PDB file of N, CA and C in Angstrom:
ATOM      1  N   UNK A   1     116.167  73.832  66.423  1.00  0.00           N
ATOM      2  CA  UNK A   1     114.514  74.213  66.762  1.00  0.00           C
ATOM      3  C   UNK A   1     114.945  75.369  67.709  1.00  0.00           C
ATOM      4  N   UNK A   2     114.225  76.142  67.350  1.00  0.00           N
ATOM      5  CA  UNK A   2     114.130  77.342  68.413  1.00  0.00           C
ATOM      6  C   UNK A   2     113.578  77.296  69.556  1.00  0.00           C
ATOM      7  N   UNK A   3     113.688  78.232  70.712  1.00  0.00           N
ATOM      8  CA  UNK A   3     113.025  78.046  71.992  1.00  0.00           C
ATOM      9  C   UNK A   3     111.446  78.118  71.758  1.00  0.00           C
ATOM     10  N   UNK A   4     110.976  79.190  71.206  1.00  0.00           N
ATOM     11  CA  UNK A   4     109.764  79.293  70.799  1.00  0.00           C
ATOM     12  C   UNK A   4     109.093  78.095  70.086  1.00  0.00           C
ATOM     13  N   UNK A   5     109.723  77.685  69.156  1.00  0.00           N
ATOM     14  CA  UNK A   5     108.941  76.499  68.516  1.00  0.00           C
ATOM     15  C   UNK A   5     108.937  75.236  69.587  1.00  0.00           C
ATOM     16  N   UNK A   6     109.868  75.294  70.358  1.00  0.00           N
ATOM     17  CA  UNK A   6     109.770  73.949  71.408  1.00  0.00           C
ATOM     18  C   UNK A   6     108.834  74.024  72.430  1.00  0.00           C
ATOM     19  N   UNK A   7     108.687  75.454  72.881  1.00  0.00           N
ATOM     20  CA  UNK A   7     107.693  75.862  73.759  1.00  0.00           C
ATOM     21  C   UNK A   7     106.298  75.418  72.860  1.00  0.00           C
ATOM     22  N   UNK A   8     106.109  75.933  71.699  1.00  0.00           N
ATOM     23  CA  UNK A   8     104.709  75.556  71.321  1.00  0.00           C
ATOM     24  C   UNK A   8     104.625  74.169  71.006  1.00  0.00           C
ATOM     25  N   UNK A   9     105.560  73.389  70.652  1.00  0.00           N
ATOM     26  CA  UNK A   9     105.174  71.886  70.760  1.00  0.00           C
ATOM     27  C   UNK A   9     105.126  71.361  71.944  1.00  0.00           C
ATOM     28  N   UNK A  10     105.741  71.485  72.965  1.00  0.00           N
ATOM     29  CA  UNK A  10     105.517  71.067  74.336  1.00  0.00           C
ATOM     30  C   UNK A  10     104.012  71.645  74.938  1.00  0.00           C
ATOM     31  N   UNK A  11     103.791  72.767  74.504  1.00  0.00           N
ATOM     32  CA  UNK A  11     102.389  73.210  74.681  1.00  0.00           C
ATOM     33  C   UNK A  11     101.274  72.375  73.999  1.00  0.00           C
ATOM     34  N   UNK A  12     101.659  72.125  72.652  1.00  0.00           N
ATOM     35  CA  UNK A  12     100.644  71.141  71.971  1.00  0.00           C
ATOM     36  C   UNK A  12     100.747  69.849  72.283  1.00  0.00           C
ATOM     37  N   UNK A  13     101.670  69.555  72.929  1.00  0.00           N
ATOM     38  CA  UNK A  13     101.660  68.082  73.625  1.00  0.00           C
ATOM     39  C   UNK A  13     100.801  68.053  74.738  1.00  0.00           C
ATOM     40  N   UNK A  14     100.986  68.866  75.870  1.00  0.00           N
ATOM     41  CA  UNK A  14     100.350  68.808  76.854  1.00  0.00           C
ATOM     42  C   UNK A  14      98.908  69.204  76.824  1.00  0.00           C
ATOM     43  N   UNK A  15      98.503  69.719  75.848  1.00  0.00           N
ATOM     44  CA  UNK A  15      97.064  70.415  75.548  1.00  0.00           C
ATOM     45  C   UNK A  15      96.224  69.223  75.545  1.00  0.00           C
ATOM     46  N   UNK A  16      96.487  68.021  75.093  1.00  0.00           N
ATOM     47  CA  UNK A  16      95.381  67.236  75.032  1.00  0.00           C
ATOM     48  C   UNK A  16      95.141  66.585  76.608  1.00  0.00           C
ATOM     49  N   UNK A  17      95.796  66.844  77.684  1.00  0.00           N
ATOM     50  CA  UNK A  17      95.527  66.520  78.831  1.00  0.00           C
ATOM     51  C   UNK A  17      94.172  66.941  79.413  1.00  0.00           C
ATOM     52  N   UNK A  18      93.777  68.018  78.773  1.00  0.00           N
ATOM     53  CA  UNK A  18      92.495  68.865  79.431  1.00  0.00           C
ATOM     54  C   UNK A  18      91.250  68.383  78.654  1.00  0.00           C
ATOM     55  N   UNK A  19      91.635  67.455  77.574  1.00  0.00           N
ATOM     56  CA  UNK A  19      90.560  67.308  76.558  1.00  0.00           C
ATOM     57  C   UNK A  19      89.713  66.205  76.862  1.00  0.00           C
ATOM     58  N   UNK A  20      90.069  65.375  77.964  1.00  0.00           N
ATOM     59  CA  UNK A  20      89.342  64.331  78.544  1.00  0.00           C
ATOM     60  C   UNK A  20      90.108  62.988  77.837  1.00  0.00           C
ATOM     61  N   UNK A  21      90.968  63.124  77.204  1.00  0.00           N
ATOM     62  CA  UNK A  21      91.755  61.822  76.576  1.00  0.00           C
ATOM     63  C   UNK A  21      92.213  61.324  77.723  1.00  0.00           C
ATOM     64  N   UNK A  22      92.723  61.856  79.016  1.00  0.00           N
ATOM     65  CA  UNK A  22      93.230  61.034  80.080  1.00  0.00           C
ATOM     66  C   UNK A  22      94.652  60.226  79.631  1.00  0.00           C
ATOM     67  N   UNK A  23      95.049  59.237  80.311  1.00  0.00           N
ATOM     68  CA  UNK A  23      96.445  58.596  79.961  1.00  0.00           C
ATOM     69  C   UNK A  23      96.015  57.130  79.415  1.00  0.00           C
ATOM     70  N   UNK A  24      94.720  56.909  79.186  1.00  0.00           N
ATOM     71  CA  UNK A  24      94.279  55.847  78.475  1.00  0.00           C
ATOM     72  C   UNK A  24      94.675  55.751  77.256  1.00  0.00           C
ATOM     73  N   UNK A  25      94.832  56.906  76.538  1.00  0.00           N
ATOM     74  CA  UNK A  25      94.895  56.775  75.024  1.00  0.00           C
ATOM     75  C   UNK A  25      93.847  56.484  74.237  1.00  0.00           C
ATOM     76  N   UNK A  26      92.349  56.399  74.881  1.00  0.00           N
ATOM     77  CA  UNK A  26      91.445  56.453  74.231  1.00  0.00           C
ATOM     78  C   UNK A  26      90.705  57.726  73.922  1.00  0.00           C
ATOM     79  N   UNK A  27      89.971  58.085  72.649  1.00  0.00           N
ATOM     80  CA  UNK A  27      89.559  59.135  72.685  1.00  0.00           C
ATOM     81  C   UNK A  27      88.412  59.421  73.308  1.00  0.00           C
ATOM     82  N   UNK A  28      87.773  60.620  73.632  1.00  0.00           N
ATOM     83  CA  UNK A  28      86.561  60.839  74.783  1.00  0.00           C
ATOM     84  C   UNK A  28      85.318  60.391  74.010  1.00  0.00           C
ATOM     85  N   UNK A  29      84.690  59.974  74.632  1.00  0.00           N
ATOM     86  CA  UNK A  29      83.189  59.663  73.944  1.00  0.00           C
ATOM     87  C   UNK A  29      82.568  60.806  73.591  1.00  0.00           C
ATOM     88  N   UNK A  30      81.945  60.794  72.281  1.00  0.00           N
ATOM     89  CA  UNK A  30      80.893  62.019  71.726  1.00  0.00           C
ATOM     90  C   UNK A  30      79.681  61.712  72.127  1.00  0.00           C
ATOM     91  N   UNK A  31      78.863  62.622  72.307  1.00  0.00           N
ATOM     92  CA  UNK A  31      77.406  62.519  72.428  1.00  0.00           C
ATOM     93  C   UNK A  31      76.841  62.407  70.966  1.00  0.00           C
ATOM     94  N   UNK A  32      76.013  61.517  70.605  1.00  0.00           N
ATOM     95  CA  UNK A  32      75.228  61.745  69.373  1.00  0.00           C
ATOM     96  C   UNK A  32      74.277  62.604  69.455  1.00  0.00           C
ATOM     97  N   UNK A  33      74.230  63.456  68.232  1.00  0.00           N
ATOM     98  CA  UNK A  33      73.251  64.508  68.324  1.00  0.00           C
ATOM     99  C   UNK A  33      71.661  63.829  68.189  1.00  0.00           C
ATOM    100  N   UNK A  34      70.962  64.736  68.712  1.00  0.00           N
ATOM    101  CA  UNK A  34      69.617  64.237  68.913  1.00  0.00           C
ATOM    102  C   UNK A  34      68.626  64.351  67.591  1.00  0.00           C
ATOM    103  N   UNK A  35      68.359  62.929  67.222  1.00  0.00           N
ATOM    104  CA  UNK A  35      67.766  62.579  66.028  1.00  0.00           C
ATOM    105  C   UNK A  35      66.144  63.287  65.837  1.00  0.00           C
ATOM    106  N   UNK A  36      66.058  63.993  65.059  1.00  0.00           N
ATOM    107  CA  UNK A  36      64.846  64.878  64.626  1.00  0.00           C
ATOM    108  C   UNK A  36      63.966  63.971  63.927  1.00  0.00           C
ATOM    109  N   UNK A  37      62.520  64.404  63.846  1.00  0.00           N
ATOM    110  CA  UNK A  37      61.800  63.664  63.008  1.00  0.00           C
ATOM    111  C   UNK A  37      61.514  64.659  61.630  1.00  0.00           C
ATOM    112  N   UNK A  38      61.049  63.871  60.944  1.00  0.00           N
ATOM    113  CA  UNK A  38      60.972  64.296  59.545  1.00  0.00           C
ATOM    114  C   UNK A  38      60.321  65.870  59.336  1.00  0.00           C
ATOM    115  N   UNK A  39      59.328  65.756  59.887  1.00  0.00           N
ATOM    116  CA  UNK A  39      58.383  67.285  60.064  1.00  0.00           C
ATOM    117  C   UNK A  39      59.242  68.367  60.803  1.00  0.00           C
ATOM    118  N   UNK A  40      59.875  67.867  61.749  1.00  0.00           N
ATOM    119  CA  UNK A  40      60.968  68.537  62.712  1.00  0.00           C
ATOM    120  C   UNK A  40      61.988  69.422  61.953  1.00  0.00           C
ATOM    121  N   UNK A  41      62.445  68.218  61.179  1.00  0.00           N
ATOM    122  CA  UNK A  41      63.468  68.760  60.134  1.00  0.00           C
ATOM    123  C   UNK A  41      63.028  69.808  58.875  1.00  0.00           C
ATOM    124  N   UNK A  42      62.140  69.430  58.531  1.00  0.00           N
ATOM    125  CA  UNK A  42      61.361  70.346  57.486  1.00  0.00           C
ATOM    126  C   UNK A  42      61.028  71.847  58.033  1.00  0.00           C
ATOM    127  N   UNK A  43      60.469  71.823  59.304  1.00  0.00           N
ATOM    128  CA  UNK A  43      60.457  73.294  60.008  1.00  0.00           C
ATOM    129  C   UNK A  43      61.439  73.730  60.366  1.00  0.00           C
ATOM    130  N   UNK A  44      62.403  73.275  60.882  1.00  0.00           N
ATOM    131  CA  UNK A  44      64.061  73.915  60.956  1.00  0.00           C
ATOM    132  C   UNK A  44      64.547  74.577  59.700  1.00  0.00           C
ATOM    133  N   UNK A  45      64.234  73.538  58.482  1.00  0.00           N
ATOM    134  CA  UNK A  45      64.780  74.118  57.183  1.00  0.00           C
ATOM    135  C   UNK A  45      63.991  75.310  56.914  1.00  0.00           C
ATOM    136  N   UNK A  46      62.675  75.432  56.971  1.00  0.00           N
ATOM    137  CA  UNK A  46      61.895  76.560  56.635  1.00  0.00           C
ATOM    138  C   UNK A  46      62.109  77.766  57.351  1.00  0.00           C
ATOM    139  N   UNK A  47      62.248  77.684  58.856  1.00  0.00           N
ATOM    140  CA  UNK A  47      62.886  78.511  59.552  1.00  0.00           C
ATOM    141  C   UNK A  47      64.098  79.287  59.348  1.00  0.00           C
ATOM    142  N   UNK A  48      65.140  78.155  58.926  1.00  0.00           N
ATOM    143  CA  UNK A  48      66.581  78.813  58.456  1.00  0.00           C
ATOM    144  C   UNK A  48      66.330  79.672  57.281  1.00  0.00           C
ATOM    145  N   UNK A  49      65.625  79.186  56.330  1.00  0.00           N
ATOM    146  CA  UNK A  49      65.340  79.641  55.040  1.00  0.00           C
ATOM    147  C   UNK A  49      64.639  81.221  55.298  1.00  0.00           C
ATOM    148  N   UNK A  50      63.616  81.372  56.309  1.00  0.00           N
ATOM    149  CA  UNK A  50      63.348  82.763  56.438  1.00  0.00           C
ATOM    150  C   UNK A  50      64.236  83.349  57.096  1.00  0.00           C
ATOM    151  N   UNK A  51      64.964  83.044  57.903  1.00  0.00           N
ATOM    152  CA  UNK A  51      65.802  83.947  58.536  1.00  0.00           C
ATOM    153  C   UNK A  51      66.772  84.468  57.667  1.00  0.00           C
ATOM    154  N   UNK A  52      67.360  83.388  56.586  1.00  0.00           N
ATOM    155  CA  UNK A  52      68.377  83.813  55.432  1.00  0.00           C
ATOM    156  C   UNK A  52      67.822  84.966  54.650  1.00  0.00           C
ATOM    157  N   UNK A  53      66.335  84.975  54.438  1.00  0.00           N
ATOM    158  CA  UNK A  53      65.702  85.669  53.377  1.00  0.00           C
ATOM    159  C   UNK A  53      65.498  87.204  54.016  1.00  0.00           C
ATOM    160  N   UNK A  54      65.522  87.336  55.186  1.00  0.00           N
ATOM    161  CA  UNK A  54      65.466  88.575  55.863  1.00  0.00           C
ATOM    162  C   UNK A  54      66.745  89.082  55.953  1.00  0.00           C
ATOM    163  N   UNK A  55      67.993  88.359  55.572  1.00  0.00           N
ATOM    164  CA  UNK A  55      69.044  89.115  55.309  1.00  0.00           C
ATOM    165  C   UNK A  55      69.376  89.867  54.023  1.00  0.00           C
ATOM    166  N   UNK A  56      68.704  89.302  53.301  1.00  0.00           N
ATOM    167  CA  UNK A  56      68.661  89.936  51.619  1.00  0.00           C
ATOM    168  C   UNK A  56      68.370  91.282  51.647  1.00  0.00           C
ATOM    169  N   UNK A  57      69.372  92.011  50.890  1.00  0.00           N
ATOM    170  CA  UNK A  57      69.120  93.523  50.611  1.00  0.00           C
ATOM    171  C   UNK A  57      68.598  93.614  49.155  1.00  0.00           C
ATOM    172  N   UNK A  58      67.466  94.362  49.200  1.00  0.00           N
ATOM    173  CA  UNK A  58      67.053  94.628  47.652  1.00  0.00           C
ATOM    174  C   UNK A  58      67.984  95.691  47.155  1.00  0.00           C
ATOM    175  N   UNK A  59      68.251  95.560  45.751  1.00  0.00           N
ATOM    176  CA  UNK A  59      68.741  96.782  45.297  1.00  0.00           C
ATOM    177  C   UNK A  59      67.752  98.100  44.913  1.00  0.00           C
ATOM    178  N   UNK A  60      68.440  99.262  45.025  1.00  0.00           N
ATOM    179  CA  UNK A  60      67.414 100.304  44.471  1.00  0.00           C
ATOM    180  C   UNK A  60      67.373 100.432  43.076  1.00  0.00           C
ATOM    181  N   UNK A  61      66.402 101.108  42.626  1.00  0.00           N
ATOM    182  CA  UNK A  61      65.996 101.312  41.342  1.00  0.00           C
ATOM    183  C   UNK A  61      66.966 101.678  40.532  1.00  0.00           C
ATOM    184  N   UNK A  62      68.019 102.444  40.738  1.00  0.00           N
ATOM    185  CA  UNK A  62      69.223 103.045  39.913  1.00  0.00           C
ATOM    186  C   UNK A  62      70.160 101.913  39.983  1.00  0.00           C
ATOM    187  N   UNK A  63      70.440 101.086  41.183  1.00  0.00           N
ATOM    188  CA  UNK A  63      71.170  99.896  41.069  1.00  0.00           C
ATOM    189  C   UNK A  63      70.608  98.795  40.065  1.00  0.00           C
ATOM    190  N   UNK A  64      69.282  98.695  40.027  1.00  0.00           N
ATOM    191  CA  UNK A  64      68.743  97.470  39.242  1.00  0.00           C
ATOM    192  C   UNK A  64      68.881  97.988  37.617  1.00  0.00           C
ATOM    193  N   UNK A  65      68.743  99.092  37.431  1.00  0.00           N
ATOM    194  CA  UNK A  65      68.857  99.727  36.245  1.00  0.00           C
ATOM    195  C   UNK A  65      70.299  99.403  35.539  1.00  0.00           C
ATOM    196  N   UNK A  66      71.413  99.836  36.523  1.00  0.00           N
ATOM    197  CA  UNK A  66      72.846  99.609  36.284  1.00  0.00           C
ATOM    198  C   UNK A  66      73.081  98.187  36.052  1.00  0.00           C
ATOM    199  N   UNK A  67      72.479  97.226  36.898  1.00  0.00           N
ATOM    200  CA  UNK A  67      72.994  95.577  36.692  1.00  0.00           C
ATOM    201  C   UNK A  67      72.520  94.953  35.504  1.00  0.00           C
ATOM    202  N   UNK A  68      71.030  95.510  35.184  1.00  0.00           N
ATOM    203  CA  UNK A  68      70.352  95.218  33.987  1.00  0.00           C
ATOM    204  C   UNK A  68      71.195  95.503  32.802  1.00  0.00           C
ATOM    205  N   UNK A  69      71.607  96.664  32.753  1.00  0.00           N
ATOM    206  CA  UNK A  69      72.212  97.414  31.566  1.00  0.00           C
ATOM    207  C   UNK A  69      73.697  96.527  31.433  1.00  0.00           C
ATOM    208  N   UNK A  70      74.395  96.431  32.519  1.00  0.00           N
ATOM    209  CA  UNK A  70      75.685  95.681  32.472  1.00  0.00           C
ATOM    210  C   UNK A  70      75.683  93.977  31.872  1.00  0.00           C
ATOM    211  N   UNK A  71      74.343  93.501  32.328  1.00  0.00           N
ATOM    212  CA  UNK A  71      74.180  92.316  31.864  1.00  0.00           C
ATOM    213  C   UNK A  71      73.757  92.339  30.489  1.00  0.00           C
ATOM    214  N   UNK A  72      72.921  93.303  29.978  1.00  0.00           N
ATOM    215  CA  UNK A  72      72.374  93.194  28.622  1.00  0.00           C
ATOM    216  C   UNK A  72      73.720  93.562  27.721  1.00  0.00           C
ATOM    217  N   UNK A  73      74.440  94.547  28.084  1.00  0.00           N
ATOM    218  CA  UNK A  73      75.730  94.788  27.116  1.00  0.00           C
ATOM    219  C   UNK A  73      76.636  93.370  27.107  1.00  0.00           C
ATOM    220  N   UNK A  74      76.811  92.930  28.269  1.00  0.00           N
ATOM    221  CA  UNK A  74      77.640  91.655  28.220  1.00  0.00           C
ATOM    222  C   UNK A  74      77.034  90.366  27.315  1.00  0.00           C
ATOM    223  N   UNK A  75      75.821  90.316  27.370  1.00  0.00           N
ATOM    224  CA  UNK A  75      75.075  89.381  26.551  1.00  0.00           C
ATOM    225  C   UNK A  75      75.435  89.777  25.031  1.00  0.00           C
ATOM    226  N   UNK A  76      75.195  91.013  24.878  1.00  0.00           N
ATOM    227  CA  UNK A  76      75.052  91.486  23.372  1.00  0.00           C
ATOM    228  C   UNK A  76      76.804  91.266  22.855  1.00  0.00           C
ATOM    229  N   UNK A  77      77.687  91.506  23.973  1.00  0.00           N
ATOM    230  CA  UNK A  77      79.366  91.394  23.470  1.00  0.00           C
ATOM    231  C   UNK A  77      79.511  89.846  23.025  1.00  0.00           C
ATOM    232  N   UNK A  78      78.898  89.039  23.948  1.00  0.00           N
ATOM    233  CA  UNK A  78      79.354  87.704  23.621  1.00  0.00           C
ATOM    234  C   UNK A  78      78.522  87.125  22.650  1.00  0.00           C
ATOM    235  N   UNK A  79      77.427  87.451  22.254  1.00  0.00           N
ATOM    236  CA  UNK A  79      76.495  87.051  21.094  1.00  0.00           C
ATOM    237  C   UNK A  79      77.307  87.742  20.065  1.00  0.00           C
ATOM    238  N   UNK A  80      77.579  88.597  20.090  1.00  0.00           N
ATOM    239  CA  UNK A  80      78.467  89.277  18.629  1.00  0.00           C
ATOM    240  C   UNK A  80      79.806  88.402  18.535  1.00  0.00           C
ATOM    241  N   UNK A  81      80.539  88.088  19.699  1.00  0.00           N
ATOM    242  CA  UNK A  81      81.758  87.169  19.523  1.00  0.00           C
ATOM    243  C   UNK A  81      81.216  85.805  19.091  1.00  0.00           C
ATOM    244  N   UNK A  82      80.310  85.083  19.424  1.00  0.00           N
ATOM    245  CA  UNK A  82      79.884  83.661  18.938  1.00  0.00           C
ATOM    246  C   UNK A  82      79.592  83.991  17.545  1.00  0.00           C
ATOM    247  N   UNK A  83      78.865  84.952  17.187  1.00  0.00           N
ATOM    248  CA  UNK A  83      78.219  85.159  15.923  1.00  0.00           C
ATOM    249  C   UNK A  83      79.624  85.250  14.777  1.00  0.00           C
ATOM    250  N   UNK A  84      80.690  86.059  15.145  1.00  0.00           N
ATOM    251  CA  UNK A  84      81.779  86.230  14.401  1.00  0.00           C
ATOM    252  C   UNK A  84      82.582  84.813  14.286  1.00  0.00           C
ATOM    253  N   UNK A  85      82.806  84.034  15.544  1.00  0.00           N
ATOM    254  CA  UNK A  85      83.382  82.732  15.293  1.00  0.00           C
ATOM    255  C   UNK A  85      82.635  81.738  14.738  1.00  0.00           C
ATOM    256  N   UNK A  86      81.440  81.868  14.867  1.00  0.00           N
ATOM    257  CA  UNK A  86      80.614  80.955  13.844  1.00  0.00           C
ATOM    258  C   UNK A  86      80.612  81.351  12.219  1.00  0.00           C
ATOM    259  N   UNK A  87      80.738  82.467  12.224  1.00  0.00           N
ATOM    260  CA  UNK A  87      80.872  82.685  10.471  1.00  0.00           C
ATOM    261  C   UNK A  87      82.237  82.443  10.242  1.00  0.00           C
ATOM    262  N   UNK A  88      83.191  82.418  11.153  1.00  0.00           N
ATOM    263  CA  UNK A  88      84.475  82.341  10.556  1.00  0.00           C
ATOM    264  C   UNK A  88      85.067  80.875  10.428  1.00  0.00           C
ATOM    265  N   UNK A  89      84.317  80.057  11.221  1.00  0.00           N
ATOM    266  CA  UNK A  89      84.504  78.662  11.265  1.00  0.00           C
ATOM    267  C   UNK A  89      83.651  78.221  10.055  1.00  0.00           C
ATOM    268  N   UNK A  90      82.591  78.687   9.905  1.00  0.00           N
ATOM    269  CA  UNK A  90      81.597  78.373   8.819  1.00  0.00           C
ATOM    270  C   UNK A  90      82.440  78.287   7.385  1.00  0.00           C
ATOM    271  N   UNK A  91      82.959  79.818   7.290  1.00  0.00           N
ATOM    272  CA  UNK A  91      83.516  80.138   6.055  1.00  0.00           C
ATOM    273  C   UNK A  91      85.018  79.237   5.906  1.00  0.00           C
ATOM    274  N   UNK A  92      85.548  78.901   7.220  1.00  0.00           N
ATOM    275  CA  UNK A  92      86.691  78.273   6.916  1.00  0.00           C
ATOM    276  C   UNK A  92      86.420  76.776   6.350  1.00  0.00           C
ATOM    277  N   UNK A  93      85.517  76.095   7.089  1.00  0.00           N
ATOM    278  CA  UNK A  93      84.939  74.733   6.631  1.00  0.00           C
ATOM    279  C   UNK A  93      84.398  74.809   5.138  1.00  0.00           C
ATOM    280  N   UNK A  94      84.053  75.746   4.608  1.00  0.00           N
ATOM    281  CA  UNK A  94      83.155  75.679   3.373  1.00  0.00           C
ATOM    282  C   UNK A  94      84.475  75.773   2.481  1.00  0.00           C
ATOM    283  N   UNK A  95      85.536  76.835   2.707  1.00  0.00           N
ATOM    284  CA  UNK A  95      86.956  76.662   2.028  1.00  0.00           C
ATOM    285  C   UNK A  95      87.453  75.846   2.077  1.00  0.00           C
ATOM    286  N   UNK A  96      87.557  74.488   2.969  1.00  0.00           N
ATOM    287  CA  UNK A  96      88.407  73.736   3.110  1.00  0.00           C
ATOM    288  C   UNK A  96      87.709  72.384   2.531  1.00  0.00           C
ATOM    289  N   UNK A  97      86.616  72.274   2.467  1.00  0.00           N
ATOM    290  CA  UNK A  97      85.765  71.335   1.751  1.00  0.00           C
ATOM    291  C   UNK A  97      85.030  71.472   0.628  1.00  0.00           C
ATOM    292  N   UNK A  98      85.163  72.915  -0.023  1.00  0.00           N
ATOM    293  CA  UNK A  98      84.777  73.346  -1.368  1.00  0.00           C
ATOM    294  C   UNK A  98      83.316  73.346  -1.189  1.00  0.00           C
ATOM    295  N   UNK A  99      82.624  73.798  -0.066  1.00  0.00           N
ATOM    296  CA  UNK A  99      81.296  73.944  -0.150  1.00  0.00           C
ATOM    297  C   UNK A  99      80.640  75.205  -0.792  1.00  0.00           C
TER     298      UNK A  99
END
């Protein structure tokens, strides 16, 4: 083991002394979070939703047209692929089972 690894290991071992664990080996007691009522939790949720919605950036008109075009082209390509696949499988089934 290198010197720096030993120093890191000894530092990690000694770091628990300042956390309140002490020499008793027991974990420090944690405070239970304050339990809020139903309406307080709903109000907190609504405030958080509004705060997140304020961070939303709306696309410009040109960006919106670009995004819409990309989505429509992608849908048309996937639709064509599924159509060709469906026709191919249908033809193969007809050929195999003599339909």
